[in-house]
C-alpha cells in the first residue's frame, strides 16, 4: 500500500531532494528503501529502518534521522519522544540504489527495547561454515 498522501506544508520546508539521488533510488512496492544504521566511529550496526523520498529529504536536510513507520503509517524522527537522537554523519546508497547506509552519532540506545543495538538479541547458530 503506497502512502504518498499529502505531507503537511510545515514538514516540507527546506530544499527538495536532489533529482540525481531520486533517480538512483529503487523503492519497494510501498515506495520505501531499507536503511541500515551504524555508529559512525565504531561501525556497530544499530538498527534497520525504512524511508521514502520525503523521509530521506528530511534526514539529509536536517541532519537528524527521520523514518517512515510502516506500522503507524507516519514519519518519525528518531529521538523526538525517547531523547535517543541519531545525528547523521554520513549517508551512502548501495550499488543498486535499493538500500541506504546511515552513519550516525547515536545518543542513548538505538533499539525501542532500550538496548544499544537492535542486533544484540543473541547470535544464531551457523553450521557448514566455509573455511577461507
C-alpha atoms as a PDB file:
ATOM      1  CA  UNK A   1       0.000   0.000   0.000  1.00  0.00           C
ATOM      2  CA  UNK A   2       1.518   3.310  -1.068  1.00  0.00           C
ATOM      3  CA  UNK A   3       1.472   6.197   1.353  1.00  0.00           C
ATOM      4  CA  UNK A   4       2.060   9.189  -0.904  1.00  0.00           C
ATOM      5  CA  UNK A   5      -0.715  11.251   0.616  1.00  0.00           C
ATOM      6  CA  UNK A   6      -0.264  14.934   1.257  1.00  0.00           C
ATOM      7  CA  UNK A   7       2.541  15.963   3.557  1.00  0.00           C
ATOM      8  CA  UNK A   8       1.746  18.907   5.850  1.00  0.00           C
ATOM      9  CA  UNK A   9       3.312  22.067   4.435  1.00  0.00           C
ATOM     10  CA  UNK A  10       5.295  22.808   7.615  1.00  0.00           C
ATOM     11  CA  UNK A  11       7.081  19.450   7.152  1.00  0.00           C
ATOM     12  CA  UNK A  12       8.053  20.321   3.568  1.00  0.00           C
ATOM     13  CA  UNK A  13      10.209  23.317   4.408  1.00  0.00           C
ATOM     14  CA  UNK A  14      13.748  23.328   3.073  1.00  0.00           C
ATOM     15  CA  UNK A  15      15.316  22.201  -0.164  1.00  0.00           C
ATOM     16  CA  UNK A  16      13.971  19.371  -2.283  1.00  0.00           C
ATOM     17  CA  UNK A  17      15.742  16.038  -2.549  1.00  0.00           C
ATOM     18  CA  UNK A  18      18.410  16.124  -5.271  1.00  0.00           C
ATOM     19  CA  UNK A  19      16.870  14.777  -8.518  1.00  0.00           C
ATOM     20  CA  UNK A  20      20.062  12.773  -9.165  1.00  0.00           C
ATOM     21  CA  UNK A  21      19.520  10.960  -5.859  1.00  0.00           C
ATOM     22  CA  UNK A  22      15.823  10.426  -6.607  1.00  0.00           C
ATOM     23  CA  UNK A  23      16.746   8.852  -9.962  1.00  0.00           C
ATOM     24  CA  UNK A  24      19.109   6.356  -8.267  1.00  0.00           C
ATOM     25  CA  UNK A  25      16.596   5.124  -5.663  1.00  0.00           C
ATOM     26  CA  UNK A  26      14.963   1.748  -6.232  1.00  0.00           C
ATOM     27  CA  UNK A  27      11.999   1.585  -3.902  1.00  0.00           C
ATOM     28  CA  UNK A  28       9.905  -1.428  -2.887  1.00  0.00           C
ATOM     29  CA  UNK A  29       6.205  -1.734  -3.809  1.00  0.00           C
ATOM     30  CA  UNK A  30       5.299   0.610  -0.929  1.00  0.00           C
ATOM     31  CA  UNK A  31       7.746   3.280  -2.134  1.00  0.00           C
ATOM     32  CA  UNK A  32      10.276   2.562   0.629  1.00  0.00           C
ATOM     33  CA  UNK A  33      14.016   1.946   0.799  1.00  0.00           C
ATOM     34  CA  UNK A  34      15.735  -0.085   3.522  1.00  0.00           C
ATOM     35  CA  UNK A  35      18.108   1.877   5.773  1.00  0.00           C
ATOM     36  CA  UNK A  36      20.930   0.225   7.724  1.00  0.00           C
ATOM     37  CA  UNK A  37      22.090   2.442  10.582  1.00  0.00           C
ATOM     38  CA  UNK A  38      25.545   2.201  12.134  1.00  0.00           C
ATOM     39  CA  UNK A  39      27.519   4.113  14.737  1.00  0.00           C
ATOM     40  CA  UNK A  40      29.884   6.401  12.810  1.00  0.00           C
ATOM     41  CA  UNK A  41      33.081   5.715  14.778  1.00  0.00           C
ATOM     42  CA  UNK A  42      32.775   2.059  15.847  1.00  0.00           C
ATOM     43  CA  UNK A  43      30.801   0.870  12.774  1.00  0.00           C
ATOM     44  CA  UNK A  44      28.493  -1.055  15.125  1.00  0.00           C
ATOM     45  CA  UNK A  45      25.199  -1.844  13.361  1.00  0.00           C
ATOM     46  CA  UNK A  46      22.445  -0.260  15.438  1.00  0.00           C
ATOM     47  CA  UNK A  47      19.166  -0.791  13.618  1.00  0.00           C
ATOM     48  CA  UNK A  48      17.298  -1.049  10.340  1.00  0.00           C
ATOM     49  CA  UNK A  49      14.583   1.392   9.333  1.00  0.00           C
ATOM     50  CA  UNK A  50      12.598   2.433   6.278  1.00  0.00           C
ATOM     51  CA  UNK A  51      12.481   5.722   4.370  1.00  0.00           C
ATOM     52  CA  UNK A  52      10.564   7.123   1.465  1.00  0.00           C
ATOM     53  CA  UNK A  53      11.781  10.114  -0.549  1.00  0.00           C
ATOM     54  CA  UNK A  54      10.380  12.608   1.950  1.00  0.00           C
ATOM     55  CA  UNK A  55      11.961  10.893   4.973  1.00  0.00           C
ATOM     56  CA  UNK A  56      15.292  10.863   3.137  1.00  0.00           C
ATOM     57  CA  UNK A  57      14.921  14.558   2.259  1.00  0.00           C
ATOM     58  CA  UNK A  58      14.171  15.418   5.891  1.00  0.00           C
ATOM     59  CA  UNK A  59      17.153  13.351   7.052  1.00  0.00           C
ATOM     60  CA  UNK A  60      19.621  14.892   4.612  1.00  0.00           C
ATOM     61  CA  UNK A  61      18.475  18.474   5.155  1.00  0.00           C
ATOM     62  CA  UNK A  62      18.106  18.370   8.950  1.00  0.00           C
ATOM     63  CA  UNK A  63      20.993  16.093   9.950  1.00  0.00           C
ATOM     64  CA  UNK A  64      18.577  14.077  12.116  1.00  0.00           C
ATOM     65  CA  UNK A  65      17.395  10.613  11.089  1.00  0.00           C
ATOM     66  CA  UNK A  66      13.735  10.532  10.018  1.00  0.00           C
ATOM     67  CA  UNK A  67      11.978   7.282   9.102  1.00  0.00           C
ATOM     68  CA  UNK A  68       8.634   6.077   7.776  1.00  0.00           C
ATOM     69  CA  UNK A  69       6.808   3.892  10.295  1.00  0.00           C
ATOM     70  CA  UNK A  70       5.173   1.050   8.415  1.00  0.00           C
ATOM     71  CA  UNK A  71       3.018   0.116  11.417  1.00  0.00           C
ATOM     72  CA  UNK A  72       1.866   3.655  12.286  1.00  0.00           C
ATOM     73  CA  UNK A  73       1.868   4.926   8.666  1.00  0.00           C
ATOM     74  CA  UNK A  74       3.595   8.167   9.638  1.00  0.00           C
ATOM     75  CA  UNK A  75       7.000   9.832   9.772  1.00  0.00           C
ATOM     76  CA  UNK A  76       9.038   9.673  12.958  1.00  0.00           C
ATOM     77  CA  UNK A  77      12.264  11.439  13.766  1.00  0.00           C
ATOM     78  CA  UNK A  78      14.492   9.289  15.951  1.00  0.00           C
ATOM     79  CA  UNK A  79      14.684  10.737  19.440  1.00  0.00           C
ATOM     80  CA  UNK A  80      11.725  13.121  19.382  1.00  0.00           C
ATOM     81  CA  UNK A  81       9.870  11.098  22.026  1.00  0.00           C
ATOM     82  CA  UNK A  82      12.674   8.994  23.540  1.00  0.00           C
ATOM     83  CA  UNK A  83      15.502  11.546  23.587  1.00  0.00           C
ATOM     84  CA  UNK A  84      17.700   8.934  21.860  1.00  0.00           C
ATOM     85  CA  UNK A  85      18.663  11.012  18.834  1.00  0.00           C
ATOM     86  CA  UNK A  86      20.567   9.963  15.740  1.00  0.00           C
ATOM     87  CA  UNK A  87      22.801  12.734  14.427  1.00  0.00           C
ATOM     88  CA  UNK A  88      23.671  11.896  10.826  1.00  0.00           C
ATOM     89  CA  UNK A  89      27.381  11.995   9.994  1.00  0.00           C
ATOM     90  CA  UNK A  90      27.239  10.389   6.510  1.00  0.00           C
ATOM     91  CA  UNK A  91      24.811   8.710   4.125  1.00  0.00           C
ATOM     92  CA  UNK A  92      25.535   6.390   1.207  1.00  0.00           C
ATOM     93  CA  UNK A  93      23.446   4.450  -1.298  1.00  0.00           C
ATOM     94  CA  UNK A  94      24.442   0.910  -2.164  1.00  0.00           C
ATOM     95  CA  UNK A  95      25.448  -0.010  -5.716  1.00  0.00           C
ATOM     96  CA  UNK A  96      21.885  -0.979  -6.706  1.00  0.00           C
ATOM     97  CA  UNK A  97      20.207   2.060  -5.118  1.00  0.00           C
ATOM     98  CA  UNK A  98      17.889  -0.155  -3.067  1.00  0.00           C
ATOM     99  CA  UNK A  99      19.485   0.317   0.361  1.00  0.00           C
ATOM    100  CA  UNK A 100      20.930   3.224   2.295  1.00  0.00           C
ATOM    101  CA  UNK A 101      23.690   3.204   4.897  1.00  0.00           C
ATOM    102  CA  UNK A 102      23.450   5.917   7.540  1.00  0.00           C
ATOM    103  CA  UNK A 103      26.434   6.613   9.770  1.00  0.00           C
ATOM    104  CA  UNK A 104      25.178   8.328  12.891  1.00  0.00           C
ATOM    105  CA  UNK A 105      26.199   9.552  16.280  1.00  0.00           C
ATOM    106  CA  UNK A 106      23.740   7.628  18.426  1.00  0.00           C
ATOM    107  CA  UNK A 107      22.654   9.405  21.604  1.00  0.00           C
ATOM    108  CA  UNK A 108      21.357   6.750  24.017  1.00  0.00           C
ATOM    109  CA  UNK A 109      20.000   3.344  22.973  1.00  0.00           C
ATOM    110  CA  UNK A 110      19.010   2.796  19.339  1.00  0.00           C
ATOM    111  CA  UNK A 111      16.527  -0.014  19.993  1.00  0.00           C
ATOM    112  CA  UNK A 112      12.979   0.532  21.254  1.00  0.00           C
ATOM    113  CA  UNK A 113      13.707  -2.180  23.870  1.00  0.00           C
ATOM    114  CA  UNK A 114      16.305   0.077  25.489  1.00  0.00           C
ATOM    115  CA  UNK A 115      19.290  -1.863  24.111  1.00  0.00           C
ATOM    116  CA  UNK A 116      22.183  -0.117  22.439  1.00  0.00           C
ATOM    117  CA  UNK A 117      21.587  -2.089  19.216  1.00  0.00           C
ATOM    118  CA  UNK A 118      18.609  -3.940  17.805  1.00  0.00           C
ATOM    119  CA  UNK A 119      21.063  -6.748  16.954  1.00  0.00           C
ATOM    120  CA  UNK A 120      22.104  -7.809  20.439  1.00  0.00           C
ATOM    121  CA  UNK A 121      19.324 -10.357  20.988  1.00  0.00           C
ATOM    122  CA  UNK A 122      21.741 -13.253  20.519  1.00  0.00           C
ATOM    123  CA  UNK A 123      23.730 -14.887  17.799  1.00  0.00           C
ATOM    124  CA  UNK A 124      22.180 -17.529  15.570  1.00  0.00           C
ATOM    125  CA  UNK A 125      23.999 -20.818  15.084  1.00  0.00           C
ATOM    126  CA  UNK A 126      25.662 -21.131  11.690  1.00  0.00           C
ATOM    127  CA  UNK A 127      26.592 -24.603  10.537  1.00  0.00           C
ATOM    128  CA  UNK A 128      28.595 -25.540   7.493  1.00  0.00           C
ATOM    129  CA  UNK A 129      30.862 -22.524   7.646  1.00  0.00           C
ATOM    130  CA  UNK A 130      33.209 -22.380   4.686  1.00  0.00           C
ATOM    131  CA  UNK A 131      36.898 -22.211   5.548  1.00  0.00           C
ATOM    132  CA  UNK A 132      38.863 -19.474   3.815  1.00  0.00           C
END
